[in-house]
Amino acid sequence: MVLSFHPMFLADKNMICAGRLPGDEERTAIQAADATILPQGCRRELFEMARRHCPRVFPNYAARFDYPGKTGQIRLFRNTGVRYPASEIYNSSDQFADRHRHRPADLPYPYPFVVKFDWGGEGKTVFLVDSGEQLEAVLAKASDFERTGLSGFILQEFIACGSRVLRVVLVGARAVSYWRIGTQDGNSCVSVATGARIDADTDPDLQRRAVDAVRRFSQKAQINLAGFDLLYSVRSGDKEPYFLEINYFFGRRGLGGSQRYYELLNEEICRWLHRHGLPLHSCRDRN
């Protein structure tokens, strides 16, 4: 029996567990299932219940919950040995002050560098800092957020990328890549939400290299549904991508819109089930 908690995937049994914690009814259904399909917005509790009581779970969100936030992703990049911009993690503005109080000029990277808060998307909590005054302003914002319970940030070296960031979306075994090209030379703030345009055709060789890097990384990290942001330095001859971020929630415009995304998702879930010897009537109906 295939159980689906995803409202857009029809299985042998469908359940919705949105806006609440899973309970006995969900656990009983998961225990009876040969495979469980989860929604992108599932809570940690639902994923842990599925992983504990069902032999097959899609998507695999272990990395998402074991390495949470942008600081967690840096730790994951370190543990898997992929290339990423040099980064320092700070749990709070106080920790930053403790490290640099006696030597305020001894920062880990020269200006300009990037500051990323541990949360947020579409570049809203990413700042390109090119002076001490700007750094103080960003640290003040971090302190304000800490009063609300949100803490942690990264200092990251700035890598000039020609205002291009490559998005590689991995849906099951399928990878889709496209450039997001902005109007300013930032290395993390290029997003469709801030006016970047989508280009799926330029530099196909660099796109292939990035897709290959994402596939190798995802095999190590056991990630099978996410959008990965990568960049290439403008330095001549540098053709190895840098990993920037993993987005477990991602925009769909570069994939052709929501309808096309759900078509891809359904196709890849069906293929995943087929590989595990669990074909569905609803999957056969799609073929």
C-alpha atoms as a PDB file:
ATOM      1  CA  MET A   1       0.000   0.000   0.000  1.00  0.00           C
ATOM      2  CA  VAL A   2       1.250   3.480  -0.908  1.00  0.00           C
ATOM      3  CA  LEU A   3       0.284   6.291   1.453  1.00  0.00           C
ATOM      4  CA  SER A   4       0.382   9.934   0.354  1.00  0.00           C
ATOM      5  CA  PHE A   5       0.268  13.032   2.520  1.00  0.00           C
ATOM      6  CA  HIS A   6       0.836  15.161  -0.577  1.00  0.00           C
ATOM      7  CA  PRO A   7      -2.400  16.783  -1.800  1.00  0.00           C
ATOM      8  CA  MET A   8      -1.194  16.667  -5.420  1.00  0.00           C
ATOM      9  CA  PHE A   9      -0.266  12.986  -5.539  1.00  0.00           C
ATOM     10  CA  LEU A  10      -3.006  10.347  -5.618  1.00  0.00           C
ATOM     11  CA  ALA A  11      -2.036   7.059  -3.946  1.00  0.00           C
ATOM     12  CA  ASP A  12      -3.768   3.991  -2.498  1.00  0.00           C
ATOM     13  CA  LYS A  13      -4.525   6.030   0.613  1.00  0.00           C
ATOM     14  CA  ASN A  14      -4.399   9.805   0.969  1.00  0.00           C
ATOM     15  CA  MET A  15      -4.258  11.787   4.190  1.00  0.00           C
ATOM     16  CA  ILE A  16      -3.733  15.452   5.052  1.00  0.00           C
ATOM     17  CA  CYS A  17      -1.680  16.479   8.065  1.00  0.00           C
ATOM     18  CA  ALA A  18      -1.345  20.221   7.486  1.00  0.00           C
ATOM     19  CA  GLY A  19      -1.191  22.703  10.339  1.00  0.00           C
ATOM     20  CA  ARG A  20      -1.016  20.095  13.098  1.00  0.00           C
ATOM     21  CA  LEU A  21       1.199  17.391  14.528  1.00  0.00           C
ATOM     22  CA  PRO A  22       0.712  13.786  13.392  1.00  0.00           C
ATOM     23  CA  GLY A  23      -1.071  11.463  15.787  1.00  0.00           C
ATOM     24  CA  ASP A  24      -2.125   7.854  16.237  1.00  0.00           C
ATOM     25  CA  GLU A  25      -4.168   7.786  13.027  1.00  0.00           C
ATOM     26  CA  GLU A  26      -1.203   8.883  10.935  1.00  0.00           C
ATOM     27  CA  ARG A  27       1.164   6.481  12.681  1.00  0.00           C
ATOM     28  CA  THR A  28      -1.161   3.522  12.100  1.00  0.00           C
ATOM     29  CA  ALA A  29      -1.466   4.367   8.407  1.00  0.00           C
ATOM     30  CA  ILE A  30       2.296   4.806   8.034  1.00  0.00           C
ATOM     31  CA  GLN A  31       2.987   1.476   9.740  1.00  0.00           C
ATOM     32  CA  ALA A  32       0.682  -0.253   7.245  1.00  0.00           C
ATOM     33  CA  ALA A  33       2.280   1.428   4.217  1.00  0.00           C
ATOM     34  CA  ASP A  34       4.981   0.044   1.942  1.00  0.00           C
ATOM     35  CA  ALA A  35       5.882   3.612   0.941  1.00  0.00           C
ATOM     36  CA  THR A  36       4.956   7.066   2.220  1.00  0.00           C
ATOM     37  CA  ILE A  37       4.888  10.249   0.138  1.00  0.00           C
ATOM     38  CA  LEU A  38       5.309  13.508   2.056  1.00  0.00           C
ATOM     39  CA  PRO A  39       4.488  17.122   1.141  1.00  0.00           C
ATOM     40  CA  GLN A  40       7.193  19.753   0.805  1.00  0.00           C
ATOM     41  CA  GLY A  41       5.793  21.552   3.825  1.00  0.00           C
ATOM     42  CA  CYS A  42       5.839  18.574   6.169  1.00  0.00           C
ATOM     43  CA  ARG A  43       6.971  19.094   9.728  1.00  0.00           C
ATOM     44  CA  ARG A  44       9.920  17.350  11.264  1.00  0.00           C
ATOM     45  CA  GLU A  45       7.545  15.266  13.406  1.00  0.00           C
ATOM     46  CA  LEU A  46       5.769  13.827  10.363  1.00  0.00           C
ATOM     47  CA  PHE A  47       9.035  13.045   8.598  1.00  0.00           C
ATOM     48  CA  GLU A  48      10.498  11.369  11.684  1.00  0.00           C
ATOM     49  CA  MET A  49       7.334   9.317  12.161  1.00  0.00           C
ATOM     50  CA  ALA A  50       7.424   8.195   8.529  1.00  0.00           C
ATOM     51  CA  ARG A  51      11.131   7.387   8.630  1.00  0.00           C
ATOM     52  CA  ARG A  52      10.702   5.406  11.855  1.00  0.00           C
ATOM     53  CA  HIS A  53       7.682   3.350  10.799  1.00  0.00           C
ATOM     54  CA  CYS A  54       7.874   2.987   6.999  1.00  0.00           C
ATOM     55  CA  PRO A  55      10.650   1.369   4.924  1.00  0.00           C
ATOM     56  CA  ARG A  56      10.378   3.833   2.012  1.00  0.00           C
ATOM     57  CA  VAL A  57       9.817   7.587   2.299  1.00  0.00           C
ATOM     58  CA  PHE A  58       9.836  10.254  -0.423  1.00  0.00           C
ATOM     59  CA  PRO A  59      11.244  12.839  -0.320  1.00  0.00           C
ATOM     60  CA  ASN A  60      14.178  12.189   1.976  1.00  0.00           C
ATOM     61  CA  TYR A  61      14.315  15.172   4.316  1.00  0.00           C
ATOM     62  CA  ALA A  62      17.002  13.860   6.674  1.00  0.00           C
ATOM     63  CA  ALA A  63      19.505  16.534   5.606  1.00  0.00           C
ATOM     64  CA  ARG A  64      16.859  19.257   5.824  1.00  0.00           C
ATOM     65  CA  PHE A  65      16.156  18.510   9.473  1.00  0.00           C
ATOM     66  CA  ASP A  66      19.621  17.308  10.530  1.00  0.00           C
ATOM     67  CA  TYR A  67      21.306  20.423   9.084  1.00  0.00           C
ATOM     68  CA  PRO A  68      18.704  23.185   9.515  1.00  0.00           C
ATOM     69  CA  GLY A  69      19.042  26.730   8.264  1.00  0.00           C
ATOM     70  CA  LYS A  70      21.863  28.344   6.333  1.00  0.00           C
ATOM     71  CA  THR A  71      24.348  27.622   9.118  1.00  0.00           C
ATOM     72  CA  GLY A  72      23.395  23.961   8.984  1.00  0.00           C
ATOM     73  CA  GLN A  73      23.908  23.911   5.232  1.00  0.00           C
ATOM     74  CA  ILE A  74      27.453  25.224   5.640  1.00  0.00           C
ATOM     75  CA  ARG A  75      28.125  22.353   8.043  1.00  0.00           C
ATOM     76  CA  LEU A  76      26.679  19.917   5.507  1.00  0.00           C
ATOM     77  CA  PHE A  77      28.873  21.355   2.741  1.00  0.00           C
ATOM     78  CA  ARG A  78      31.904  20.932   5.003  1.00  0.00           C
ATOM     79  CA  ASN A  79      31.008  17.372   5.912  1.00  0.00           C
ATOM     80  CA  THR A  80      30.506  16.319   2.288  1.00  0.00           C
ATOM     81  CA  GLY A  81      33.602  18.064   0.946  1.00  0.00           C
ATOM     82  CA  VAL A  82      31.948  20.163  -1.766  1.00  0.00           C
ATOM     83  CA  ARG A  83      33.240  23.551  -2.860  1.00  0.00           C
ATOM     84  CA  TYR A  84      31.557  26.557  -1.271  1.00  0.00           C
ATOM     85  CA  PRO A  85      32.573  30.148  -0.448  1.00  0.00           C
ATOM     86  CA  ALA A  86      34.697  30.374   2.686  1.00  0.00           C
ATOM     87  CA  SER A  87      32.298  30.923   5.578  1.00  0.00           C
ATOM     88  CA  GLU A  88      32.333  31.626   9.310  1.00  0.00           C
ATOM     89  CA  ILE A  89      29.328  30.705  11.457  1.00  0.00           C
ATOM     90  CA  TYR A  90      28.167  32.814  14.409  1.00  0.00           C
ATOM     91  CA  ASN A  91      25.405  31.662  16.724  1.00  0.00           C
ATOM     92  CA  SER A  92      24.636  35.220  17.832  1.00  0.00           C
ATOM     93  CA  SER A  93      25.774  38.825  17.625  1.00  0.00           C
ATOM     94  CA  ASP A  94      27.286  38.386  21.097  1.00  0.00           C
ATOM     95  CA  GLN A  95      29.442  35.540  19.830  1.00  0.00           C
ATOM     96  CA  PHE A  96      30.594  37.749  16.967  1.00  0.00           C
ATOM     97  CA  ALA A  97      31.478  40.493  19.465  1.00  0.00           C
ATOM     98  CA  ASP A  98      33.366  38.053  21.691  1.00  0.00           C
ATOM     99  CA  ARG A  99      35.478  36.849  18.770  1.00  0.00           C
ATOM    100  CA  HIS A 100      36.316  40.288  17.437  1.00  0.00           C
ATOM    101  CA  ARG A 101      35.980  42.616  20.425  1.00  0.00           C
ATOM    102  CA  HIS A 102      39.711  43.028  21.003  1.00  0.00           C
ATOM    103  CA  ARG A 103      40.637  42.985  17.318  1.00  0.00           C
ATOM    104  CA  PRO A 104      37.677  44.539  15.488  1.00  0.00           C
ATOM    105  CA  ALA A 105      39.682  44.979  12.294  1.00  0.00           C
ATOM    106  CA  ASP A 106      40.626  41.294  12.230  1.00  0.00           C
ATOM    107  CA  LEU A 107      37.576  40.067  10.342  1.00  0.00           C
ATOM    108  CA  PRO A 108      37.736  36.706   8.555  1.00  0.00           C
ATOM    109  CA  TYR A 109      37.371  38.258   5.080  1.00  0.00           C
ATOM    110  CA  PRO A 110      38.161  41.616   3.497  1.00  0.00           C
ATOM    111  CA  TYR A 111      35.404  43.953   2.398  1.00  0.00           C
ATOM    112  CA  PRO A 112      33.169  43.373   0.580  1.00  0.00           C
ATOM    113  CA  PHE A 113      31.828  40.185   2.115  1.00  0.00           C
ATOM    114  CA  VAL A 114      28.382  38.665   2.523  1.00  0.00           C
ATOM    115  CA  VAL A 115      26.323  38.291   5.698  1.00  0.00           C
ATOM    116  CA  LYS A 116      23.502  35.744   5.667  1.00  0.00           C
ATOM    117  CA  PHE A 117      21.017  35.333   8.466  1.00  0.00           C
ATOM    118  CA  ASP A 118      20.167  31.731   9.283  1.00  0.00           C
ATOM    119  CA  TRP A 119      16.620  32.000   7.901  1.00  0.00           C
ATOM    120  CA  GLY A 120      14.739  33.654   5.068  1.00  0.00           C
ATOM    121  CA  GLY A 121      14.620  33.271   1.310  1.00  0.00           C
ATOM    122  CA  GLU A 122      14.826  35.163  -1.987  1.00  0.00           C
ATOM    123  CA  GLY A 123      17.762  37.219  -0.699  1.00  0.00           C
ATOM    124  CA  LYS A 124      15.698  39.047   1.934  1.00  0.00           C
ATOM    125  CA  THR A 125      18.136  38.206   4.743  1.00  0.00           C
ATOM    126  CA  VAL A 126      21.338  38.339   2.688  1.00  0.00           C
ATOM    127  CA  PHE A 127      23.501  41.471   2.777  1.00  0.00           C
ATOM    128  CA  LEU A 128      26.533  42.552   0.775  1.00  0.00           C
ATOM    129  CA  VAL A 129      28.701  44.459   3.263  1.00  0.00           C
ATOM    130  CA  ASP A 130      31.452  46.767   2.035  1.00  0.00           C
ATOM    131  CA  SER A 131      32.192  48.928   5.091  1.00  0.00           C
ATOM    132  CA  GLY A 132      32.327  48.895   8.860  1.00  0.00           C
ATOM    133  CA  GLU A 133      29.247  51.101   9.007  1.00  0.00           C
ATOM    134  CA  GLN A 134      27.239  48.620   6.955  1.00  0.00           C
ATOM    135  CA  LEU A 135      28.473  45.762   9.120  1.00  0.00           C
ATOM    136  CA  GLU A 136      27.328  47.561  12.272  1.00  0.00           C
ATOM    137  CA  ALA A 137      23.897  48.101  10.728  1.00  0.00           C
ATOM    138  CA  VAL A 138      23.565  44.421   9.816  1.00  0.00           C
ATOM    139  CA  LEU A 139      24.709  43.347  13.288  1.00  0.00           C
ATOM    140  CA  ALA A 140      22.082  45.652  14.787  1.00  0.00           C
ATOM    141  CA  LYS A 141      19.436  43.908  12.669  1.00  0.00           C
ATOM    142  CA  ALA A 142      20.742  40.556  13.888  1.00  0.00           C
ATOM    143  CA  SER A 143      20.402  41.724  17.497  1.00  0.00           C
ATOM    144  CA  ASP A 144      16.835  42.875  16.862  1.00  0.00           C
ATOM    145  CA  PHE A 145      15.913  39.484  15.412  1.00  0.00           C
ATOM    146  CA  GLU A 146      17.536  37.704  18.359  1.00  0.00           C
ATOM    147  CA  ARG A 147      15.027  39.386  20.650  1.00  0.00           C
ATOM    148  CA  THR A 148      12.276  37.598  18.713  1.00  0.00           C
ATOM    149  CA  GLY A 149      14.013  34.216  18.992  1.00  0.00           C
ATOM    150  CA  LEU A 150      15.697  34.188  15.567  1.00  0.00           C
ATOM    151  CA  SER A 151      19.464  33.893  15.810  1.00  0.00           C
ATOM    152  CA  GLY A 152      22.529  32.798  13.906  1.00  0.00           C
ATOM    153  CA  PHE A 153      24.271  34.169  10.833  1.00  0.00           C
ATOM    154  CA  ILE A 154      27.145  33.557   8.450  1.00  0.00           C
ATOM    155  CA  LEU A 155      29.994  35.745   7.251  1.00  0.00           C
ATOM    156  CA  GLN A 156      30.967  34.587   3.782  1.00  0.00           C
ATOM    157  CA  GLU A 157      33.628  35.626   1.314  1.00  0.00           C
ATOM    158  CA  PHE A 158      32.356  37.559  -1.681  1.00  0.00           C
ATOM    159  CA  ILE A 159      32.937  35.867  -5.024  1.00  0.00           C
ATOM    160  CA  ALA A 160      32.265  38.002  -8.089  1.00  0.00           C
ATOM    161  CA  CYS A 161      29.988  36.011 -10.361  1.00  0.00           C
ATOM    162  CA  GLY A 162      28.866  38.504 -12.993  1.00  0.00           C
ATOM    163  CA  SER A 163      25.452  38.702 -11.328  1.00  0.00           C
ATOM    164  CA  ARG A 164      24.617  35.128 -12.348  1.00  0.00           C
ATOM    165  CA  VAL A 165      23.490  32.361 -10.022  1.00  0.00           C
ATOM    166  CA  LEU A 166      22.640  28.910 -11.335  1.00  0.00           C
ATOM    167  CA  ARG A 167      19.613  27.128  -9.921  1.00  0.00           C
ATOM    168  CA  VAL A 168      19.592  23.333 -10.211  1.00  0.00           C
ATOM    169  CA  VAL A 169      16.283  21.796  -9.180  1.00  0.00           C
ATOM    170  CA  LEU A 170      16.428  18.118  -8.299  1.00  0.00           C
ATOM    171  CA  VAL A 171      13.094  16.302  -8.432  1.00  0.00           C
ATOM    172  CA  GLY A 172      13.715  12.636  -7.763  1.00  0.00           C
ATOM    173  CA  ALA A 173      16.174  11.528 -10.442  1.00  0.00           C
ATOM    174  CA  ARG A 174      15.415  14.525 -12.708  1.00  0.00           C
ATOM    175  CA  ALA A 175      17.537  17.673 -12.701  1.00  0.00           C
ATOM    176  CA  VAL A 176      16.508  20.980 -14.278  1.00  0.00           C
ATOM    177  CA  SER A 177      18.966  23.880 -14.461  1.00  0.00           C
ATOM    178  CA  TYR A 178      18.705  27.540 -15.384  1.00  0.00           C
ATOM    179  CA  TRP A 179      20.524  30.805 -14.737  1.00  0.00           C
ATOM    180  CA  ARG A 180      19.043  33.646 -12.736  1.00  0.00           C
ATOM    181  CA  ILE A 181      20.654  36.837 -13.988  1.00  0.00           C
ATOM    182  CA  GLY A 182      20.391  40.000 -11.934  1.00  0.00           C
ATOM    183  CA  THR A 183      21.300  43.624 -12.396  1.00  0.00           C
ATOM    184  CA  GLN A 184      23.909  43.915  -9.639  1.00  0.00           C
ATOM    185  CA  ASP A 185      26.993  41.834  -8.933  1.00  0.00           C
ATOM    186  CA  GLY A 186      25.970  40.094  -5.720  1.00  0.00           C
ATOM    187  CA  ASN A 187      26.786  36.445  -5.127  1.00  0.00           C
ATOM    188  CA  SER A 188      23.688  35.402  -3.226  1.00  0.00           C
ATOM    189  CA  CYS A 189      20.923  37.942  -3.772  1.00  0.00           C
ATOM    190  CA  VAL A 190      20.060  37.124  -7.383  1.00  0.00           C
ATOM    191  CA  SER A 191      16.461  35.925  -7.377  1.00  0.00           C
ATOM    192  CA  VAL A 192      13.424  36.081  -9.606  1.00  0.00           C
ATOM    193  CA  ALA A 193      11.591  37.855  -6.781  1.00  0.00           C
ATOM    194  CA  THR A 194      14.104  40.735  -6.980  1.00  0.00           C
ATOM    195  CA  GLY A 195      13.854  41.100 -10.736  1.00  0.00           C
ATOM    196  CA  ALA A 196      16.341  38.565 -12.052  1.00  0.00           C
ATOM    197  CA  ARG A 197      15.591  37.059 -15.445  1.00  0.00           C
ATOM    198  CA  ILE A 198      15.658  33.352 -16.215  1.00  0.00           C
ATOM    199  CA  ASP A 199      18.001  31.945 -18.866  1.00  0.00           C
ATOM    200  CA  ALA A 200      18.012  28.184 -19.437  1.00  0.00           C
ATOM    201  CA  ASP A 201      20.224  28.210 -22.545  1.00  0.00           C
ATOM    202  CA  THR A 202      23.466  30.104 -21.868  1.00  0.00           C
ATOM    203  CA  ASP A 203      26.705  28.228 -21.096  1.00  0.00           C
ATOM    204  CA  PRO A 204      25.338  24.680 -21.310  1.00  0.00           C
ATOM    205  CA  ASP A 205      28.754  23.250 -20.397  1.00  0.00           C
ATOM    206  CA  LEU A 206      28.782  25.127 -17.085  1.00  0.00           C
ATOM    207  CA  GLN A 207      25.214  24.013 -16.457  1.00  0.00           C
ATOM    208  CA  ARG A 208      26.199  20.378 -17.035  1.00  0.00           C
ATOM    209  CA  ARG A 209      29.135  20.714 -14.646  1.00  0.00           C
ATOM    210  CA  ALA A 210      26.852  22.137 -11.968  1.00  0.00           C
ATOM    211  CA  VAL A 211      24.230  19.434 -12.489  1.00  0.00           C
ATOM    212  CA  ASP A 212      26.942  16.774 -12.156  1.00  0.00           C
ATOM    213  CA  ALA A 213      28.187  18.420  -8.948  1.00  0.00           C
ATOM    214  CA  VAL A 214      24.651  18.500  -7.538  1.00  0.00           C
ATOM    215  CA  ARG A 215      24.116  14.839  -8.374  1.00  0.00           C
ATOM    216  CA  ARG A 216      27.345  13.823  -6.626  1.00  0.00           C
ATOM    217  CA  PHE A 217      26.502  15.937  -3.605  1.00  0.00           C
ATOM    218  CA  SER A 218      22.894  14.740  -3.410  1.00  0.00           C
ATOM    219  CA  GLN A 219      24.047  11.121  -3.429  1.00  0.00           C
ATOM    220  CA  LYS A 220      26.238  11.824  -0.396  1.00  0.00           C
ATOM    221  CA  ALA A 221      23.628  13.940   1.388  1.00  0.00           C
ATOM    222  CA  GLN A 222      20.676  11.732   0.361  1.00  0.00           C
ATOM    223  CA  ILE A 223      18.628  14.670  -0.959  1.00  0.00           C
ATOM    224  CA  ASN A 224      16.092  13.992  -3.709  1.00  0.00           C
ATOM    225  CA  LEU A 225      13.872  17.093  -3.748  1.00  0.00           C
ATOM    226  CA  ALA A 226      15.411  20.570  -3.508  1.00  0.00           C
ATOM    227  CA  GLY A 227      16.594  23.598  -5.429  1.00  0.00           C
ATOM    228  CA  PHE A 228      20.353  24.189  -5.260  1.00  0.00           C
ATOM    229  CA  ASP A 229      21.962  27.582  -5.851  1.00  0.00           C
ATOM    230  CA  LEU A 230      25.484  27.586  -7.270  1.00  0.00           C
ATOM    231  CA  LEU A 231      27.774  30.190  -8.796  1.00  0.00           C
ATOM    232  CA  TYR A 232      30.872  30.381 -10.930  1.00  0.00           C
ATOM    233  CA  SER A 233      33.613  32.897 -10.267  1.00  0.00           C
ATOM    234  CA  VAL A 234      34.332  35.365 -13.063  1.00  0.00           C
ATOM    235  CA  ARG A 235      38.011  34.481 -12.733  1.00  0.00           C
ATOM    236  CA  SER A 236      39.271  33.229 -16.064  1.00  0.00           C
ATOM    237  CA  GLY A 237      39.442  29.460 -16.343  1.00  0.00           C
ATOM    238  CA  ASP A 238      37.569  28.714 -13.105  1.00  0.00           C
ATOM    239  CA  LYS A 239      34.998  26.118 -14.125  1.00  0.00           C
ATOM    240  CA  GLU A 240      34.259  24.481 -10.780  1.00  0.00           C
ATOM    241  CA  PRO A 241      31.010  25.701  -9.204  1.00  0.00           C
ATOM    242  CA  TYR A 242      30.568  26.928  -5.657  1.00  0.00           C
ATOM    243  CA  PHE A 243      27.577  25.691  -3.670  1.00  0.00           C
ATOM    244  CA  LEU A 244      25.639  28.553  -2.086  1.00  0.00           C
ATOM    245  CA  GLU A 245      22.384  27.255  -0.632  1.00  0.00           C
ATOM    246  CA  ILE A 246      19.851  24.446  -0.596  1.00  0.00           C
ATOM    247  CA  ASN A 247      16.219  25.478  -0.985  1.00  0.00           C
ATOM    248  CA  TYR A 248      13.669  22.905   0.127  1.00  0.00           C
ATOM    249  CA  PHE A 249      10.981  25.403  -0.875  1.00  0.00           C
ATOM    250  CA  PHE A 250      11.674  26.948  -4.260  1.00  0.00           C
ATOM    251  CA  GLY A 251      10.023  29.022  -6.949  1.00  0.00           C
ATOM    252  CA  ARG A 252       8.616  27.238  -9.976  1.00  0.00           C
ATOM    253  CA  ARG A 253       8.778  29.866 -12.705  1.00  0.00           C
ATOM    254  CA  GLY A 254      12.055  28.494 -14.027  1.00  0.00           C
ATOM    255  CA  LEU A 255      10.459  25.046 -14.236  1.00  0.00           C
ATOM    256  CA  GLY A 256       7.575  26.270 -16.369  1.00  0.00           C
ATOM    257  CA  GLY A 257       5.159  27.111 -13.567  1.00  0.00           C
ATOM    258  CA  SER A 258       3.347  25.193 -10.851  1.00  0.00           C
ATOM    259  CA  GLN A 259       1.438  22.905 -13.199  1.00  0.00           C
ATOM    260  CA  ARG A 260       4.632  21.738 -14.899  1.00  0.00           C
ATOM    261  CA  TYR A 261       6.319  21.301 -11.530  1.00  0.00           C
ATOM    262  CA  TYR A 262       3.543  19.033 -10.266  1.00  0.00           C
ATOM    263  CA  GLU A 263       3.728  17.036 -13.492  1.00  0.00           C
ATOM    264  CA  LEU A 264       7.468  16.527 -12.919  1.00  0.00           C
ATOM    265  CA  LEU A 265       6.904  15.663  -9.270  1.00  0.00           C
ATOM    266  CA  ASN A 266       4.225  13.087 -10.066  1.00  0.00           C
ATOM    267  CA  GLU A 267       6.349  11.530 -12.810  1.00  0.00           C
ATOM    268  CA  GLU A 268       9.358  11.211 -10.529  1.00  0.00           C
ATOM    269  CA  ILE A 269       7.364   9.817  -7.601  1.00  0.00           C
ATOM    270  CA  CYS A 270       5.947   7.187  -9.963  1.00  0.00           C
ATOM    271  CA  ARG A 271       9.442   6.309 -11.178  1.00  0.00           C
ATOM    272  CA  TRP A 272      10.673   6.101  -7.582  1.00  0.00           C
ATOM    273  CA  LEU A 273       7.810   3.756  -6.693  1.00  0.00           C
ATOM    274  CA  HIS A 274       8.463   1.651  -9.796  1.00  0.00           C
ATOM    275  CA  ARG A 275      12.126   1.236  -8.828  1.00  0.00           C
ATOM    276  CA  HIS A 276      10.923  -0.111  -5.484  1.00  0.00           C
ATOM    277  CA  GLY A 277       8.481  -2.509  -7.129  1.00  0.00           C
ATOM    278  CA  LEU A 278       5.405  -0.553  -6.055  1.00  0.00           C
ATOM    279  CA  PRO A 279       3.566   0.530  -9.228  1.00  0.00           C
ATOM    280  CA  LEU A 280       0.307   2.427  -8.732  1.00  0.00           C
ATOM    281  CA  HIS A 281      -2.808   2.366 -10.894  1.00  0.00           C
ATOM    282  CA  SER A 282      -2.725   6.168 -10.852  1.00  0.00           C
ATOM    283  CA  CYS A 283       0.844   6.051 -12.188  1.00  0.00           C
ATOM    284  CA  ARG A 284      -0.141   3.724 -15.024  1.00  0.00           C
ATOM    285  CA  ASP A 285      -3.007   6.049 -15.871  1.00  0.00           C
ATOM    286  CA  ARG A 286      -0.490   8.866 -16.399  1.00  0.00           C
ATOM    287  CA  ASN A 287       1.489   6.887 -18.985  1.00  0.00           C
END
